[in-house]
PDB file of N, CA and C in Angstrom:
ATOM      1  N   UNK A   1       0.858  -1.111  -0.042  1.00  0.00           N
ATOM      2  CA  UNK A   1       0.057   0.040   0.087  1.00  0.00           C
ATOM      3  C   UNK A   1       0.843   1.246   0.024  1.00  0.00           C
ATOM      4  N   UNK A   2       0.468   2.241  -0.790  1.00  0.00           N
ATOM      5  CA  UNK A   2       1.317   3.506  -0.890  1.00  0.00           C
ATOM      6  C   UNK A   2       0.607   4.579  -0.067  1.00  0.00           C
ATOM      7  N   UNK A   3       1.473   5.274   0.670  1.00  0.00           N
ATOM      8  CA  UNK A   3       1.006   6.384   1.482  1.00  0.00           C
ATOM      9  C   UNK A   3       1.659   7.661   0.960  1.00  0.00           C
ATOM     10  N   UNK A   4       0.808   8.692   0.719  1.00  0.00           N
ATOM     11  CA  UNK A   4       1.223   9.990   0.229  1.00  0.00           C
ATOM     12  C   UNK A   4       2.226  10.618   1.274  1.00  0.00           C
ATOM     13  N   UNK A   5       3.319  11.138   0.818  1.00  0.00           N
ATOM     14  CA  UNK A   5       4.304  11.808   1.670  1.00  0.00           C
ATOM     15  C   UNK A   5       4.052  13.318   1.746  1.00  0.00           C
ATOM     16  N   UNK A   6       3.792  13.914   2.932  1.00  0.00           N
ATOM     17  CA  UNK A   6       3.776  15.294   3.043  1.00  0.00           C
ATOM     18  C   UNK A   6       5.246  15.903   3.044  1.00  0.00           C
ATOM     19  N   UNK A   7       5.634  16.678   2.011  1.00  0.00           N
ATOM     20  CA  UNK A   7       6.929  17.168   1.813  1.00  0.00           C
ATOM     21  C   UNK A   7       6.927  18.686   1.719  1.00  0.00           C
ATOM     22  N   UNK A   8       8.017  19.335   2.236  1.00  0.00           N
ATOM     23  CA  UNK A   8       8.245  20.700   1.960  1.00  0.00           C
ATOM     24  C   UNK A   8       8.780  20.788   0.599  1.00  0.00           C
ATOM     25  N   UNK A   9       8.627  21.885  -0.035  1.00  0.00           N
ATOM     26  CA  UNK A   9       9.135  22.115  -1.394  1.00  0.00           C
ATOM     27  C   UNK A   9      10.628  21.787  -1.522  1.00  0.00           C
ATOM     28  N   UNK A  10      11.351  22.152  -0.558  1.00  0.00           N
ATOM     29  CA  UNK A  10      12.792  21.887  -0.623  1.00  0.00           C
ATOM     30  C   UNK A  10      13.161  20.456  -0.523  1.00  0.00           C
ATOM     31  N   UNK A  11      12.428  19.740   0.347  1.00  0.00           N
ATOM     32  CA  UNK A  11      12.749  18.312   0.489  1.00  0.00           C
ATOM     33  C   UNK A  11      12.203  17.526  -0.813  1.00  0.00           C
ATOM     34  N   UNK A  12      11.139  18.049  -1.404  1.00  0.00           N
ATOM     35  CA  UNK A  12      10.647  17.359  -2.621  1.00  0.00           C
ATOM     36  C   UNK A  12      11.635  17.578  -3.714  1.00  0.00           C
ATOM     37  N   UNK A  13      12.124  18.795  -3.822  1.00  0.00           N
ATOM     38  CA  UNK A  13      13.145  19.008  -4.913  1.00  0.00           C
ATOM     39  C   UNK A  13      14.415  18.192  -4.662  1.00  0.00           C
ATOM     40  N   UNK A  14      14.817  18.040  -3.528  1.00  0.00           N
ATOM     41  CA  UNK A  14      16.000  17.281  -3.154  1.00  0.00           C
ATOM     42  C   UNK A  14      15.875  15.820  -3.536  1.00  0.00           C
ATOM     43  N   UNK A  15      14.603  15.339  -3.319  1.00  0.00           N
ATOM     44  CA  UNK A  15      14.275  13.907  -3.644  1.00  0.00           C
ATOM     45  C   UNK A  15      14.291  13.701  -5.188  1.00  0.00           C
ATOM     46  N   UNK A  16      13.750  14.695  -5.856  1.00  0.00           N
ATOM     47  CA  UNK A  16      13.799  14.594  -7.352  1.00  0.00           C
ATOM     48  C   UNK A  16      15.215  14.545  -7.850  1.00  0.00           C
ATOM     49  N   UNK A  17      16.081  15.424  -7.278  1.00  0.00           N
ATOM     50  CA  UNK A  17      17.493  15.548  -7.662  1.00  0.00           C
ATOM     51  C   UNK A  17      18.331  14.212  -7.379  1.00  0.00           C
ATOM     52  N   UNK A  18      17.941  13.618  -6.329  1.00  0.00           N
ATOM     53  CA  UNK A  18      18.609  12.392  -5.885  1.00  0.00           C
ATOM     54  C   UNK A  18      18.070  11.124  -6.568  1.00  0.00           C
ATOM     55  N   UNK A  19      16.778  11.188  -7.006  1.00  0.00           N
ATOM     56  CA  UNK A  19      16.091   9.989  -7.453  1.00  0.00           C
ATOM     57  C   UNK A  19      15.922   9.832  -8.991  1.00  0.00           C
ATOM     58  N   UNK A  20      15.926  11.011  -9.723  1.00  0.00           N
ATOM     59  CA  UNK A  20      15.617  10.923 -11.087  1.00  0.00           C
ATOM     60  C   UNK A  20      16.855  10.621 -11.888  1.00  0.00           C
ATOM     61  N   UNK A  21      17.031   9.335 -12.427  1.00  0.00           N
ATOM     62  CA  UNK A  21      18.233   9.033 -13.188  1.00  0.00           C
ATOM     63  C   UNK A  21      18.196   9.517 -14.633  1.00  0.00           C
ATOM     64  N   UNK A  22      17.147  10.126 -15.107  1.00  0.00           N
ATOM     65  CA  UNK A  22      16.964  10.446 -16.507  1.00  0.00           C
ATOM     66  C   UNK A  22      17.193  11.946 -16.737  1.00  0.00           C
ATOM     67  N   UNK A  23      16.724  12.784 -15.837  1.00  0.00           N
ATOM     68  CA  UNK A  23      16.705  14.292 -16.068  1.00  0.00           C
ATOM     69  C   UNK A  23      17.230  15.097 -14.786  1.00  0.00           C
ATOM     70  N   UNK A  24      17.798  16.196 -15.050  1.00  0.00           N
ATOM     71  CA  UNK A  24      18.172  17.100 -14.033  1.00  0.00           C
ATOM     72  C   UNK A  24      17.069  17.951 -13.574  1.00  0.00           C
ATOM     73  N   UNK A  25      16.928  18.182 -12.274  1.00  0.00           N
ATOM     74  CA  UNK A  25      15.867  19.048 -11.705  1.00  0.00           C
ATOM     75  C   UNK A  25      16.552  20.198 -11.002  1.00  0.00           C
ATOM     76  N   UNK A  26      16.141  21.422 -11.433  1.00  0.00           N
ATOM     77  CA  UNK A  26      16.708  22.632 -10.862  1.00  0.00           C
ATOM     78  C   UNK A  26      15.609  23.396  -9.992  1.00  0.00           C
ATOM     79  N   UNK A  27      14.326  23.120 -10.307  1.00  0.00           N
ATOM     80  CA  UNK A  27      13.287  23.708  -9.619  1.00  0.00           C
ATOM     81  C   UNK A  27      11.984  22.894  -9.718  1.00  0.00           C
ATOM     82  N   UNK A  28      11.104  23.027  -8.786  1.00  0.00           N
ATOM     83  CA  UNK A  28       9.824  22.330  -8.896  1.00  0.00           C
ATOM     84  C   UNK A  28       8.836  23.093  -9.911  1.00  0.00           C
ATOM     85  N   UNK A  29       9.257  24.193 -10.402  1.00  0.00           N
ATOM     86  CA  UNK A  29       8.415  24.866 -11.389  1.00  0.00           C
ATOM     87  C   UNK A  29       8.753  24.381 -12.844  1.00  0.00           C
ATOM     88  N   UNK A  30       9.654  23.414 -13.014  1.00  0.00           N
ATOM     89  CA  UNK A  30      10.040  22.879 -14.256  1.00  0.00           C
ATOM     90  C   UNK A  30       8.878  22.131 -14.798  1.00  0.00           C
ATOM     91  N   UNK A  31       8.754  22.099 -16.186  1.00  0.00           N
ATOM     92  CA  UNK A  31       7.775  21.397 -16.893  1.00  0.00           C
ATOM     93  C   UNK A  31       8.357  20.178 -17.472  1.00  0.00           C
ATOM     94  N   UNK A  32       7.543  19.049 -17.492  1.00  0.00           N
ATOM     95  CA  UNK A  32       7.959  17.877 -18.216  1.00  0.00           C
ATOM     96  C   UNK A  32       6.704  17.438 -18.996  1.00  0.00           C
ATOM     97  N   UNK A  33       6.962  16.677 -20.071  1.00  0.00           N
ATOM     98  CA  UNK A  33       5.873  16.031 -20.850  1.00  0.00           C
ATOM     99  C   UNK A  33       5.831  14.581 -20.411  1.00  0.00           C
ATOM    100  N   UNK A  34       4.662  14.131 -19.999  1.00  0.00           N
ATOM    101  CA  UNK A  34       4.461  12.818 -19.617  1.00  0.00           C
ATOM    102  C   UNK A  34       4.076  12.060 -20.877  1.00  0.00           C
ATOM    103  N   UNK A  35       4.966  11.090 -21.307  1.00  0.00           N
ATOM    104  CA  UNK A  35       4.755  10.344 -22.593  1.00  0.00           C
ATOM    105  C   UNK A  35       3.638   9.297 -22.426  1.00  0.00           C
ATOM    106  N   UNK A  36       3.368   8.911 -21.168  1.00  0.00           N
ATOM    107  CA  UNK A  36       2.333   8.001 -20.911  1.00  0.00           C
ATOM    108  C   UNK A  36       0.941   8.534 -21.071  1.00  0.00           C
ATOM    109  N   UNK A  37       0.659   9.680 -20.563  1.00  0.00           N
ATOM    110  CA  UNK A  37      -0.760  10.255 -20.584  1.00  0.00           C
ATOM    111  C   UNK A  37      -0.799  11.522 -21.550  1.00  0.00           C
ATOM    112  N   UNK A  38       0.391  11.858 -22.070  1.00  0.00           N
ATOM    113  CA  UNK A  38       0.534  12.958 -23.036  1.00  0.00           C
ATOM    114  C   UNK A  38       0.037  14.275 -22.498  1.00  0.00           C
ATOM    115  N   UNK A  39       0.395  14.536 -21.251  1.00  0.00           N
ATOM    116  CA  UNK A  39       0.103  15.842 -20.661  1.00  0.00           C
ATOM    117  C   UNK A  39       1.386  16.597 -20.164  1.00  0.00           C
ATOM    118  N   UNK A  40       1.283  17.856 -20.143  1.00  0.00           N
ATOM    119  CA  UNK A  40       2.387  18.672 -19.583  1.00  0.00           C
ATOM    120  C   UNK A  40       2.175  18.658 -18.119  1.00  0.00           C
ATOM    121  N   UNK A  41       3.168  18.315 -17.318  1.00  0.00           N
ATOM    122  CA  UNK A  41       3.091  18.409 -15.843  1.00  0.00           C
ATOM    123  C   UNK A  41       4.174  19.379 -15.337  1.00  0.00           C
ATOM    124  N   UNK A  42       3.994  19.755 -14.060  1.00  0.00           N
ATOM    125  CA  UNK A  42       4.898  20.652 -13.393  1.00  0.00           C
ATOM    126  C   UNK A  42       5.410  19.808 -12.139  1.00  0.00           C
ATOM    127  N   UNK A  43       6.648  20.069 -11.849  1.00  0.00           N
ATOM    128  CA  UNK A  43       7.323  19.260 -10.714  1.00  0.00           C
ATOM    129  C   UNK A  43       6.578  19.439  -9.425  1.00  0.00           C
ATOM    130  N   UNK A  44       6.004  20.598  -9.173  1.00  0.00           N
ATOM    131  CA  UNK A  44       5.439  20.773  -7.858  1.00  0.00           C
ATOM    132  C   UNK A  44       4.148  19.940  -7.687  1.00  0.00           C
ATOM    133  N   UNK A  45       3.535  19.541  -8.870  1.00  0.00           N
ATOM    134  CA  UNK A  45       2.371  18.688  -8.824  1.00  0.00           C
ATOM    135  C   UNK A  45       2.549  17.194  -8.816  1.00  0.00           C
ATOM    136  N   UNK A  46       3.800  16.804  -8.965  1.00  0.00           N
ATOM    137  CA  UNK A  46       4.169  15.358  -9.020  1.00  0.00           C
ATOM    138  C   UNK A  46       3.814  14.699  -7.623  1.00  0.00           C
ATOM    139  N   UNK A  47       3.183  13.639  -7.634  1.00  0.00           N
ATOM    140  CA  UNK A  47       2.735  12.939  -6.402  1.00  0.00           C
ATOM    141  C   UNK A  47       3.972  12.027  -5.846  1.00  0.00           C
ATOM    142  N   UNK A  48       4.156  12.085  -4.618  1.00  0.00           N
ATOM    143  CA  UNK A  48       5.248  11.352  -3.939  1.00  0.00           C
ATOM    144  C   UNK A  48       4.661  10.466  -2.919  1.00  0.00           C
ATOM    145  N   UNK A  49       5.022   9.153  -2.980  1.00  0.00           N
ATOM    146  CA  UNK A  49       4.450   8.134  -2.022  1.00  0.00           C
ATOM    147  C   UNK A  49       5.520   7.250  -1.452  1.00  0.00           C
ATOM    148  N   UNK A  50       5.224   6.667  -0.342  1.00  0.00           N
ATOM    149  CA  UNK A  50       6.169   5.706   0.299  1.00  0.00           C
ATOM    150  C   UNK A  50       5.379   4.404   0.479  1.00  0.00           C
ATOM    151  N   UNK A  51       6.030   3.334   0.086  1.00  0.00           N
ATOM    152  CA  UNK A  51       5.352   1.988   0.300  1.00  0.00           C
ATOM    153  C   UNK A  51       5.661   1.478   1.625  1.00  0.00           C
ATOM    154  N   UNK A  52       5.146   0.279   1.941  1.00  0.00           N
ATOM    155  CA  UNK A  52       5.281  -0.370   3.296  1.00  0.00           C
ATOM    156  C   UNK A  52       6.724  -0.710   3.633  1.00  0.00           C
ATOM    157  N   UNK A  53       7.597  -0.867   2.584  1.00  0.00           N
ATOM    158  CA  UNK A  53       9.036  -1.126   2.801  1.00  0.00           C
ATOM    159  C   UNK A  53       9.882   0.104   2.944  1.00  0.00           C
ATOM    160  N   UNK A  54       9.349   1.312   2.843  1.00  0.00           N
ATOM    161  CA  UNK A  54      10.102   2.534   2.947  1.00  0.00           C
ATOM    162  C   UNK A  54      10.611   2.992   1.618  1.00  0.00           C
ATOM    163  N   UNK A  55      10.245   2.420   0.489  1.00  0.00           N
ATOM    164  CA  UNK A  55      10.644   2.843  -0.822  1.00  0.00           C
ATOM    165  C   UNK A  55       9.791   3.996  -1.327  1.00  0.00           C
ATOM    166  N   UNK A  56      10.375   5.095  -1.887  1.00  0.00           N
ATOM    167  CA  UNK A  56       9.673   6.262  -2.421  1.00  0.00           C
ATOM    168  C   UNK A  56       9.396   6.023  -3.835  1.00  0.00           C
ATOM    169  N   UNK A  57       8.140   6.386  -4.197  1.00  0.00           N
ATOM    170  CA  UNK A  57       7.641   6.318  -5.498  1.00  0.00           C
ATOM    171  C   UNK A  57       7.084   7.693  -5.981  1.00  0.00           C
ATOM    172  N   UNK A  58       7.377   7.962  -7.306  1.00  0.00           N
ATOM    173  CA  UNK A  58       6.975   9.256  -7.899  1.00  0.00           C
ATOM    174  C   UNK A  58       5.971   8.997  -8.961  1.00  0.00           C
ATOM    175  N   UNK A  59       4.862   9.682  -8.968  1.00  0.00           N
ATOM    176  CA  UNK A  59       3.807   9.430  -9.989  1.00  0.00           C
ATOM    177  C   UNK A  59       3.310  10.720 -10.609  1.00  0.00           C
ATOM    178  N   UNK A  60       2.931  10.644 -11.874  1.00  0.00           N
ATOM    179  CA  UNK A  60       2.362  11.762 -12.585  1.00  0.00           C
ATOM    180  C   UNK A  60       1.145  12.272 -11.866  1.00  0.00           C
ATOM    181  N   UNK A  61       0.868  13.646 -11.910  1.00  0.00           N
ATOM    182  CA  UNK A  61      -0.276  14.159 -11.204  1.00  0.00           C
ATOM    183  C   UNK A  61      -1.585  13.999 -11.979  1.00  0.00           C
ATOM    184  N   UNK A  62      -1.503  13.512 -13.281  1.00  0.00           N
ATOM    185  CA  UNK A  62      -2.599  13.370 -14.047  1.00  0.00           C
ATOM    186  C   UNK A  62      -3.515  12.282 -13.443  1.00  0.00           C
ATOM    187  N   UNK A  63      -4.752  12.428 -13.366  1.00  0.00           N
ATOM    188  CA  UNK A  63      -5.771  11.418 -12.804  1.00  0.00           C
ATOM    189  C   UNK A  63      -5.585  10.028 -13.585  1.00  0.00           C
ATOM    190  N   UNK A  64      -5.373   9.001 -12.834  1.00  0.00           N
ATOM    191  CA  UNK A  64      -5.221   7.625 -13.309  1.00  0.00           C
ATOM    192  C   UNK A  64      -4.005   7.303 -14.188  1.00  0.00           C
ATOM    193  N   UNK A  65      -3.015   8.247 -14.142  1.00  0.00           N
ATOM    194  CA  UNK A  65      -1.699   8.103 -14.855  1.00  0.00           C
ATOM    195  C   UNK A  65      -0.716   7.513 -13.824  1.00  0.00           C
ATOM    196  N   UNK A  66      -0.076   6.433 -14.188  1.00  0.00           N
ATOM    197  CA  UNK A  66       0.948   5.828 -13.287  1.00  0.00           C
ATOM    198  C   UNK A  66       2.364   6.270 -13.755  1.00  0.00           C
ATOM    199  N   UNK A  67       2.486   7.219 -14.650  1.00  0.00           N
ATOM    200  CA  UNK A  67       3.821   7.635 -15.173  1.00  0.00           C
ATOM    201  C   UNK A  67       4.789   8.046 -14.093  1.00  0.00           C
ATOM    202  N   UNK A  68       6.048   7.750 -14.408  1.00  0.00           N
ATOM    203  CA  UNK A  68       7.128   8.077 -13.511  1.00  0.00           C
ATOM    204  C   UNK A  68       8.253   8.689 -14.197  1.00  0.00           C
ATOM    205  N   UNK A  69       9.448   8.848 -13.528  1.00  0.00           N
ATOM    206  CA  UNK A  69      10.594   9.528 -14.073  1.00  0.00           C
ATOM    207  C   UNK A  69      10.919   9.017 -15.593  1.00  0.00           C
ATOM    208  N   UNK A  70      10.886   7.775 -15.809  1.00  0.00           N
ATOM    209  CA  UNK A  70      11.169   7.247 -17.155  1.00  0.00           C
ATOM    210  C   UNK A  70      10.220   7.721 -18.235  1.00  0.00           C
ATOM    211  N   UNK A  71       9.012   8.183 -17.824  1.00  0.00           N
ATOM    212  CA  UNK A  71       8.029   8.571 -18.751  1.00  0.00           C
ATOM    213  C   UNK A  71       8.022  10.083 -19.040  1.00  0.00           C
ATOM    214  N   UNK A  72       8.814  10.833 -18.278  1.00  0.00           N
ATOM    215  CA  UNK A  72       8.717  12.208 -18.222  1.00  0.00           C
ATOM    216  C   UNK A  72       9.926  12.736 -19.113  1.00  0.00           C
ATOM    217  N   UNK A  73       9.603  13.559 -20.163  1.00  0.00           N
ATOM    218  CA  UNK A  73      10.562  14.037 -21.049  1.00  0.00           C
ATOM    219  C   UNK A  73      10.556  15.623 -20.947  1.00  0.00           C
ATOM    220  N   UNK A  74      11.744  16.127 -21.351  1.00  0.00           N
ATOM    221  CA  UNK A  74      11.786  17.585 -21.462  1.00  0.00           C
ATOM    222  C   UNK A  74      10.809  18.040 -22.567  1.00  0.00           C
ATOM    223  N   UNK A  75       9.996  19.001 -22.317  1.00  0.00           N
ATOM    224  CA  UNK A  75       9.024  19.375 -23.367  1.00  0.00           C
ATOM    225  C   UNK A  75       9.746  20.111 -24.615  1.00  0.00           C
ATOM    226  N   UNK A  76       9.169  19.836 -25.742  1.00  0.00           N
ATOM    227  CA  UNK A  76       9.659  20.623 -26.957  1.00  0.00           C
ATOM    228  C   UNK A  76       8.840  21.809 -27.208  1.00  0.00           C
ATOM    229  N   UNK A  77       9.119  22.848 -26.475  1.00  0.00           N
ATOM    230  CA  UNK A  77       8.303  24.064 -26.584  1.00  0.00           C
ATOM    231  C   UNK A  77       8.895  24.926 -27.835  1.00  0.00           C
ATOM    232  N   UNK A  78       7.975  25.350 -28.617  1.00  0.00           N
ATOM    233  CA  UNK A  78       8.284  26.182 -29.811  1.00  0.00           C
ATOM    234  C   UNK A  78       7.885  27.621 -29.465  1.00  0.00           C
ATOM    235  N   UNK A  79       8.861  28.444 -29.328  1.00  0.00           N
ATOM    236  CA  UNK A  79       8.605  29.834 -28.860  1.00  0.00           C
ATOM    237  C   UNK A  79       8.614  30.743 -30.162  1.00  0.00           C
TER     238      UNK A  79
END
C-alpha cells in the first residue's frame, strides 16, 4: 500500500534531484511532458508516495496516470 508523503518544497526538490536518473531538476516549477498520458506536468504537482518497505515512488499528477521519471521528457516548446 502506498502512502502520500507530506513534503516541504525543498525536500521534494532534493528527492527529485537524488532519485531521477533520467533528467536534472533545478526547480519544482520545471515542466515535463508525460509520454504515458501525453500531458504537460509541473514538478510541484508530481505525487510522492512511500510503500510499506520505505521505498519512495513518484507518480504523474494526471488522474489515473501511473507515469514516473522514465516517462517524463523535457517538453519541446516552440517559442
